Amino acid sequence: MVGALRILTAAAALLAGPALADGRLQAYISGGIGEDERAVLEASKDYYNLRLVFAARGSGEYLSAVRVRIADEKGAELLETDTDGPFFYARLAPGAYVVTAAYGDEAQTRRVRIGEKGAVEYVLYWVEPPDWR
């Protein structure tokens, strides 16, 4: 079990996004398609203090290719990216941020405060498009 956890932690480090120069966004990762990716994310989630999950309202089906934008409280963009799966985790320096997630034509915005300890978690839901299936 310990060996498997080390492998998953190493895999999570490989999947983590780039750290930005100013240090407010220290790392991010997205994915979760398939059991292996979900296991990697689950094993590494304690490192990240912002955790987002994206799903369709009603069915609960996971969504991918959600555009995520993180800005500081003054509006300066720290990151804009499309997710590689329904899970998006970021490690941010303590402070206030504006997180916007967009899927299709609908965007949702949350103001978040990251503390010294703990994590902020949101599950964001979108209405299923008529041609969903």
N, C-alpha and C. Protein backbone atom coordinates (compact mmCIF):
# COMPACT_ATOMS: atom_id res chain seq x y z
N MET A 1 0.82 -1.19 0.00
CA MET A 1 0.00 0.00 0.00
C MET A 1 0.86 1.26 0.00
N VAL A 2 1.92 1.27 0.83
CA VAL A 2 2.79 2.44 0.90
C VAL A 2 3.47 2.66 -0.45
N GLY A 3 3.92 1.59 -1.10
CA GLY A 3 4.55 1.72 -2.41
C GLY A 3 3.59 2.28 -3.44
N ALA A 4 2.33 1.84 -3.40
CA ALA A 4 1.32 2.34 -4.33
C ALA A 4 1.07 3.82 -4.09
N LEU A 5 1.05 4.23 -2.82
CA LEU A 5 0.84 5.63 -2.50
C LEU A 5 1.99 6.48 -3.02
N ARG A 6 3.22 5.98 -2.89
CA ARG A 6 4.38 6.72 -3.41
C ARG A 6 4.28 6.88 -4.92
N ILE A 7 3.87 5.83 -5.60
CA ILE A 7 3.72 5.90 -7.06
C ILE A 7 2.66 6.91 -7.43
N LEU A 8 1.52 6.89 -6.71
CA LEU A 8 0.45 7.84 -6.99
C LEU A 8 0.89 9.27 -6.70
N THR A 9 1.62 9.47 -5.62
CA THR A 9 2.10 10.81 -5.30
C THR A 9 3.08 11.29 -6.36
N ALA A 10 3.96 10.42 -6.83
CA ALA A 10 4.89 10.79 -7.90
C ALA A 10 4.13 11.10 -9.18
N ALA A 11 3.10 10.31 -9.48
CA ALA A 11 2.29 10.58 -10.67
C ALA A 11 1.58 11.92 -10.54
N ALA A 12 1.10 12.24 -9.35
CA ALA A 12 0.43 13.52 -9.15
C ALA A 12 1.41 14.67 -9.39
N ALA A 13 2.64 14.51 -8.94
CA ALA A 13 3.63 15.56 -9.17
C ALA A 13 3.88 15.76 -10.66
N LEU A 14 3.88 14.67 -11.42
CA LEU A 14 4.07 14.78 -12.87
C LEU A 14 2.89 15.45 -13.55
N LEU A 15 1.68 15.23 -13.01
CA LEU A 15 0.48 15.81 -13.61
C LEU A 15 0.25 17.26 -13.19
N ALA A 16 0.90 17.70 -12.13
CA ALA A 16 0.66 19.05 -11.63
C ALA A 16 1.07 20.08 -12.67
N GLY A 17 0.29 21.12 -12.73
CA GLY A 17 0.57 22.19 -13.68
C GLY A 17 1.76 23.02 -13.23
N PRO A 18 2.14 23.99 -14.03
CA PRO A 18 3.30 24.81 -13.71
C PRO A 18 3.05 25.74 -12.53
N ALA A 19 4.07 25.96 -11.75
CA ALA A 19 3.99 26.96 -10.69
C ALA A 19 4.27 28.33 -11.31
N LEU A 20 3.54 29.32 -10.88
CA LEU A 20 3.72 30.66 -11.44
C LEU A 20 4.75 31.44 -10.65
N ALA A 21 5.39 32.37 -11.34
CA ALA A 21 6.52 33.11 -10.79
C ALA A 21 6.17 33.91 -9.53
N ASP A 22 4.96 34.49 -9.46
CA ASP A 22 4.67 35.35 -8.31
C ASP A 22 4.33 34.57 -7.04
N GLY A 23 4.13 33.27 -7.13
CA GLY A 23 3.94 32.44 -5.96
C GLY A 23 2.53 32.34 -5.43
N ARG A 24 1.58 33.14 -5.93
CA ARG A 24 0.21 33.04 -5.41
C ARG A 24 -0.44 31.74 -5.87
N LEU A 25 -0.26 31.38 -7.13
CA LEU A 25 -0.72 30.08 -7.63
C LEU A 25 0.51 29.20 -7.68
N GLN A 26 0.56 28.24 -6.77
CA GLN A 26 1.77 27.45 -6.63
C GLN A 26 1.75 26.20 -7.49
N ALA A 27 0.56 25.64 -7.73
CA ALA A 27 0.44 24.45 -8.56
C ALA A 27 -1.03 24.20 -8.84
N TYR A 28 -1.30 23.45 -9.89
CA TYR A 28 -2.67 23.00 -10.15
C TYR A 28 -2.63 21.69 -10.91
N ILE A 29 -3.76 20.98 -10.84
CA ILE A 29 -3.89 19.70 -11.51
C ILE A 29 -5.36 19.53 -11.89
N SER A 30 -5.62 18.89 -13.01
CA SER A 30 -7.00 18.56 -13.35
C SER A 30 -7.02 17.20 -14.01
N GLY A 31 -8.18 16.58 -13.98
CA GLY A 31 -8.33 15.26 -14.57
C GLY A 31 -9.45 14.52 -13.88
N GLY A 32 -9.27 13.22 -13.75
CA GLY A 32 -10.26 12.41 -13.07
C GLY A 32 -11.08 11.55 -14.00
N ILE A 33 -10.63 11.41 -15.24
CA ILE A 33 -11.32 10.51 -16.16
C ILE A 33 -10.70 9.13 -15.99
N GLY A 34 -11.48 8.21 -15.52
CA GLY A 34 -10.97 6.86 -15.28
C GLY A 34 -10.54 6.69 -13.84
N GLU A 35 -10.53 5.44 -13.42
CA GLU A 35 -10.21 5.12 -12.02
C GLU A 35 -8.78 5.47 -11.65
N ASP A 36 -7.83 5.28 -12.57
CA ASP A 36 -6.43 5.58 -12.25
C ASP A 36 -6.23 7.06 -11.98
N GLU A 37 -6.79 7.91 -12.83
CA GLU A 37 -6.65 9.35 -12.62
C GLU A 37 -7.33 9.78 -11.32
N ARG A 38 -8.51 9.23 -11.05
CA ARG A 38 -9.20 9.58 -9.81
C ARG A 38 -8.37 9.16 -8.59
N ALA A 39 -7.70 8.02 -8.68
CA ALA A 39 -6.86 7.56 -7.57
C ALA A 39 -5.68 8.50 -7.36
N VAL A 40 -5.08 8.98 -8.43
CA VAL A 40 -3.97 9.93 -8.33
C VAL A 40 -4.45 11.22 -7.66
N LEU A 41 -5.59 11.71 -8.11
CA LEU A 41 -6.13 12.95 -7.53
C LEU A 41 -6.48 12.77 -6.06
N GLU A 42 -7.10 11.67 -5.74
CA GLU A 42 -7.48 11.41 -4.35
C GLU A 42 -6.23 11.34 -3.46
N ALA A 43 -5.20 10.70 -3.95
CA ALA A 43 -3.96 10.57 -3.17
C ALA A 43 -3.25 11.90 -2.96
N SER A 44 -3.45 12.84 -3.86
CA SER A 44 -2.73 14.11 -3.77
C SER A 44 -3.58 15.28 -3.31
N LYS A 45 -4.86 15.07 -3.05
CA LYS A 45 -5.75 16.20 -2.82
C LYS A 45 -5.41 17.03 -1.59
N ASP A 46 -4.81 16.43 -0.57
CA ASP A 46 -4.47 17.19 0.63
C ASP A 46 -3.44 18.28 0.37
N TYR A 47 -2.68 18.17 -0.71
CA TYR A 47 -1.69 19.20 -1.07
C TYR A 47 -2.38 20.47 -1.57
N TYR A 48 -3.56 20.34 -2.13
CA TYR A 48 -4.26 21.45 -2.79
C TYR A 48 -5.31 22.04 -1.86
N ASN A 49 -5.38 23.38 -1.82
CA ASN A 49 -6.33 24.04 -0.92
C ASN A 49 -7.54 24.64 -1.63
N LEU A 50 -7.64 24.48 -2.93
CA LEU A 50 -8.85 24.80 -3.69
C LEU A 50 -9.20 23.57 -4.50
N ARG A 51 -10.41 23.05 -4.29
CA ARG A 51 -10.82 21.82 -4.98
C ARG A 51 -12.18 22.05 -5.61
N LEU A 52 -12.25 21.85 -6.92
CA LEU A 52 -13.49 22.03 -7.66
C LEU A 52 -13.87 20.73 -8.35
N VAL A 53 -15.16 20.46 -8.39
CA VAL A 53 -15.71 19.32 -9.12
C VAL A 53 -16.83 19.85 -10.00
N PHE A 54 -16.92 19.35 -11.24
CA PHE A 54 -17.89 19.84 -12.21
C PHE A 54 -18.83 18.71 -12.63
N ALA A 55 -20.15 18.98 -12.57
CA ALA A 55 -21.13 17.95 -12.90
C ALA A 55 -22.38 18.57 -13.51
N ALA A 56 -23.17 17.72 -14.15
CA ALA A 56 -24.45 18.13 -14.73
C ALA A 56 -25.53 18.04 -13.66
N ARG A 57 -26.35 19.08 -13.58
CA ARG A 57 -27.46 19.09 -12.63
C ARG A 57 -28.47 18.03 -13.05
N GLY A 58 -28.99 17.33 -12.10
CA GLY A 58 -29.97 16.29 -12.40
C GLY A 58 -29.32 14.92 -12.45
N SER A 59 -28.54 14.67 -13.49
CA SER A 59 -27.93 13.35 -13.65
C SER A 59 -26.68 13.16 -12.79
N GLY A 60 -26.00 14.25 -12.47
CA GLY A 60 -24.76 14.14 -11.73
C GLY A 60 -23.58 13.70 -12.58
N GLU A 61 -23.80 13.55 -13.88
CA GLU A 61 -22.71 13.16 -14.79
C GLU A 61 -21.58 14.17 -14.68
N TYR A 62 -20.37 13.66 -14.61
CA TYR A 62 -19.21 14.54 -14.55
C TYR A 62 -19.02 15.29 -15.87
N LEU A 63 -18.47 16.50 -15.76
CA LEU A 63 -18.19 17.33 -16.94
C LEU A 63 -16.70 17.56 -17.06
N SER A 64 -16.24 17.66 -18.28
CA SER A 64 -14.84 17.93 -18.59
C SER A 64 -14.77 19.15 -19.50
N ALA A 65 -13.57 19.61 -19.76
CA ALA A 65 -13.35 20.77 -20.64
C ALA A 65 -14.08 22.01 -20.11
N VAL A 66 -14.05 22.17 -18.80
CA VAL A 66 -14.60 23.37 -18.17
C VAL A 66 -13.48 24.40 -18.13
N ARG A 67 -13.78 25.62 -18.56
CA ARG A 67 -12.77 26.70 -18.54
C ARG A 67 -12.74 27.28 -17.13
N VAL A 68 -11.55 27.26 -16.52
CA VAL A 68 -11.37 27.78 -15.17
C VAL A 68 -10.46 28.99 -15.23
N ARG A 69 -10.91 30.05 -14.57
CA ARG A 69 -10.10 31.27 -14.47
C ARG A 69 -9.98 31.62 -12.99
N ILE A 70 -8.75 31.86 -12.56
CA ILE A 70 -8.49 32.30 -11.20
C ILE A 70 -7.84 33.66 -11.27
N ALA A 71 -8.41 34.60 -10.52
CA ALA A 71 -7.86 35.96 -10.47
C ALA A 71 -7.73 36.36 -9.00
N ASP A 72 -6.86 37.34 -8.76
CA ASP A 72 -6.78 37.84 -7.40
C ASP A 72 -7.96 38.78 -7.16
N GLU A 73 -8.10 39.29 -5.95
CA GLU A 73 -9.27 40.09 -5.62
C GLU A 73 -9.34 41.41 -6.39
N LYS A 74 -8.24 41.83 -6.99
CA LYS A 74 -8.23 43.06 -7.80
C LYS A 74 -8.49 42.76 -9.27
N GLY A 75 -8.62 41.48 -9.63
CA GLY A 75 -8.94 41.10 -10.99
C GLY A 75 -7.75 40.66 -11.84
N ALA A 76 -6.55 40.69 -11.28
CA ALA A 76 -5.37 40.25 -12.04
C ALA A 76 -5.43 38.73 -12.23
N GLU A 77 -5.38 38.30 -13.47
CA GLU A 77 -5.50 36.88 -13.78
C GLU A 77 -4.24 36.12 -13.38
N LEU A 78 -4.46 35.01 -12.67
CA LEU A 78 -3.37 34.12 -12.30
C LEU A 78 -3.33 32.90 -13.20
N LEU A 79 -4.51 32.48 -13.68
CA LEU A 79 -4.60 31.27 -14.50
C LEU A 79 -5.89 31.28 -15.29
N GLU A 80 -5.81 30.81 -16.52
CA GLU A 80 -6.99 30.47 -17.31
C GLU A 80 -6.65 29.22 -18.08
N THR A 81 -7.46 28.16 -17.88
CA THR A 81 -7.16 26.88 -18.49
C THR A 81 -8.45 26.08 -18.66
N ASP A 82 -8.42 25.10 -19.54
CA ASP A 82 -9.52 24.16 -19.69
C ASP A 82 -9.16 22.89 -18.93
N THR A 83 -10.12 22.34 -18.21
CA THR A 83 -9.84 21.15 -17.41
C THR A 83 -9.74 19.91 -18.29
N ASP A 84 -8.97 18.95 -17.80
CA ASP A 84 -8.80 17.66 -18.48
C ASP A 84 -9.72 16.59 -17.89
N GLY A 85 -10.65 17.01 -17.08
CA GLY A 85 -11.57 16.09 -16.44
C GLY A 85 -12.46 16.86 -15.49
N PRO A 86 -13.25 16.15 -14.70
CA PRO A 86 -14.22 16.82 -13.83
C PRO A 86 -13.65 17.37 -12.52
N PHE A 87 -12.39 17.10 -12.25
CA PHE A 87 -11.77 17.58 -11.01
C PHE A 87 -10.69 18.60 -11.34
N PHE A 88 -10.67 19.68 -10.57
CA PHE A 88 -9.63 20.71 -10.70
C PHE A 88 -9.19 21.08 -9.30
N TYR A 89 -7.89 20.93 -9.04
CA TYR A 89 -7.33 21.28 -7.75
C TYR A 89 -6.23 22.31 -7.97
N ALA A 90 -6.16 23.28 -7.05
CA ALA A 90 -5.09 24.29 -7.11
C ALA A 90 -4.54 24.52 -5.71
N ARG A 91 -3.28 24.88 -5.67
CA ARG A 91 -2.65 25.29 -4.41
C ARG A 91 -2.37 26.77 -4.54
N LEU A 92 -3.04 27.54 -3.69
CA LEU A 92 -2.92 29.00 -3.72
C LEU A 92 -2.37 29.50 -2.40
N ALA A 93 -1.64 30.61 -2.46
CA ALA A 93 -1.18 31.27 -1.24
C ALA A 93 -2.41 31.81 -0.51
N PRO A 94 -2.34 31.92 0.81
CA PRO A 94 -3.47 32.48 1.54
C PRO A 94 -3.86 33.85 0.98
N GLY A 95 -5.17 34.09 0.88
CA GLY A 95 -5.65 35.36 0.35
C GLY A 95 -7.03 35.21 -0.27
N ALA A 96 -7.48 36.28 -0.92
CA ALA A 96 -8.80 36.31 -1.54
C ALA A 96 -8.65 36.19 -3.06
N TYR A 97 -9.53 35.39 -3.65
CA TYR A 97 -9.48 35.12 -5.08
C TYR A 97 -10.89 35.11 -5.67
N VAL A 98 -10.96 35.29 -6.98
CA VAL A 98 -12.20 35.15 -7.72
C VAL A 98 -12.00 33.99 -8.68
N VAL A 99 -12.85 32.97 -8.55
CA VAL A 99 -12.76 31.78 -9.38
C VAL A 99 -13.98 31.74 -10.28
N THR A 100 -13.75 31.66 -11.58
CA THR A 100 -14.85 31.56 -12.55
C THR A 100 -14.67 30.26 -13.32
N ALA A 101 -15.76 29.50 -13.41
CA ALA A 101 -15.77 28.26 -14.17
C ALA A 101 -16.87 28.39 -15.22
N ALA A 102 -16.53 28.10 -16.48
CA ALA A 102 -17.49 28.23 -17.57
C ALA A 102 -17.61 26.92 -18.33
N TYR A 103 -18.86 26.54 -18.58
CA TYR A 103 -19.15 25.35 -19.38
C TYR A 103 -20.26 25.74 -20.34
N GLY A 104 -20.01 25.56 -21.63
CA GLY A 104 -20.98 26.02 -22.63
C GLY A 104 -21.11 27.53 -22.52
N ASP A 105 -22.35 28.00 -22.46
CA ASP A 105 -22.60 29.44 -22.39
C ASP A 105 -22.78 29.96 -20.98
N GLU A 106 -22.65 29.09 -19.99
CA GLU A 106 -22.91 29.49 -18.61
C GLU A 106 -21.62 29.54 -17.80
N ALA A 107 -21.43 30.65 -17.10
CA ALA A 107 -20.27 30.81 -16.22
C ALA A 107 -20.77 30.98 -14.79
N GLN A 108 -20.01 30.42 -13.87
CA GLN A 108 -20.29 30.56 -12.44
C GLN A 108 -19.06 31.15 -11.77
N THR A 109 -19.30 32.10 -10.89
CA THR A 109 -18.20 32.78 -10.21
C THR A 109 -18.35 32.62 -8.71
N ARG A 110 -17.24 32.35 -8.06
CA ARG A 110 -17.20 32.24 -6.60
C ARG A 110 -16.05 33.10 -6.09
N ARG A 111 -16.32 33.83 -5.04
CA ARG A 111 -15.26 34.55 -4.33
C ARG A 111 -14.79 33.61 -3.22
N VAL A 112 -13.52 33.34 -3.18
CA VAL A 112 -13.00 32.40 -2.19
C VAL A 112 -11.90 33.04 -1.36
N ARG A 113 -11.84 32.63 -0.13
CA ARG A 113 -10.77 33.07 0.76
C ARG A 113 -10.01 31.82 1.18
N ILE A 114 -8.74 31.78 0.82
CA ILE A 114 -7.87 30.67 1.17
C ILE A 114 -7.14 31.03 2.46
N GLY A 115 -7.26 30.17 3.45
CA GLY A 115 -6.62 30.41 4.74
C GLY A 115 -5.27 29.70 4.83
N GLU A 116 -4.67 29.85 5.97
CA GLU A 116 -3.37 29.20 6.23
C GLU A 116 -3.51 27.68 6.27
N LYS A 117 -4.68 27.20 6.71
CA LYS A 117 -4.92 25.76 6.82
C LYS A 117 -6.26 25.43 6.20
N GLY A 118 -6.43 24.16 5.88
CA GLY A 118 -7.70 23.70 5.34
C GLY A 118 -7.81 23.93 3.84
N ALA A 119 -8.99 23.66 3.31
CA ALA A 119 -9.23 23.78 1.88
C ALA A 119 -10.64 24.32 1.63
N VAL A 120 -10.82 24.90 0.47
CA VAL A 120 -12.12 25.35 0.00
C VAL A 120 -12.55 24.39 -1.09
N GLU A 121 -13.77 23.86 -0.97
CA GLU A 121 -14.26 22.89 -1.95
C GLU A 121 -15.62 23.32 -2.48
N TYR A 122 -15.79 23.21 -3.79
CA TYR A 122 -17.08 23.48 -4.43
C TYR A 122 -17.38 22.38 -5.43
N VAL A 123 -18.65 21.99 -5.49
CA VAL A 123 -19.15 21.17 -6.59
C VAL A 123 -20.04 22.11 -7.39
N LEU A 124 -19.68 22.34 -8.65
CA LEU A 124 -20.43 23.26 -9.50
C LEU A 124 -21.25 22.45 -10.50
N TYR A 125 -22.52 22.81 -10.63
CA TYR A 125 -23.44 22.09 -11.51
C TYR A 125 -23.91 22.98 -12.65
N TRP A 126 -24.07 22.36 -13.81
CA TRP A 126 -24.63 23.04 -14.98
C TRP A 126 -25.84 22.25 -15.48
N VAL A 127 -26.75 22.97 -16.11
CA VAL A 127 -27.91 22.33 -16.71
C VAL A 127 -27.43 21.51 -17.90
N GLU A 128 -27.96 20.30 -18.01
CA GLU A 128 -27.59 19.45 -19.14
C GLU A 128 -28.14 20.05 -20.44
N PRO A 129 -27.33 20.13 -21.48
CA PRO A 129 -27.84 20.61 -22.77
C PRO A 129 -28.87 19.63 -23.32
N PRO A 130 -29.80 20.10 -24.17
CA PRO A 130 -30.85 19.21 -24.71
C PRO A 130 -30.29 18.01 -25.46
N ASP A 131 -29.14 18.16 -26.11
CA ASP A 131 -28.56 17.07 -26.89
C ASP A 131 -27.50 16.31 -26.08
N TRP A 132 -27.67 16.27 -24.74
CA TRP A 132 -26.69 15.69 -23.84
C TRP A 132 -26.31 14.27 -24.22
N ARG A 133 -27.27 13.45 -24.52
CA ARG A 133 -26.96 12.03 -24.78
C ARG A 133 -27.15 11.71 -26.21
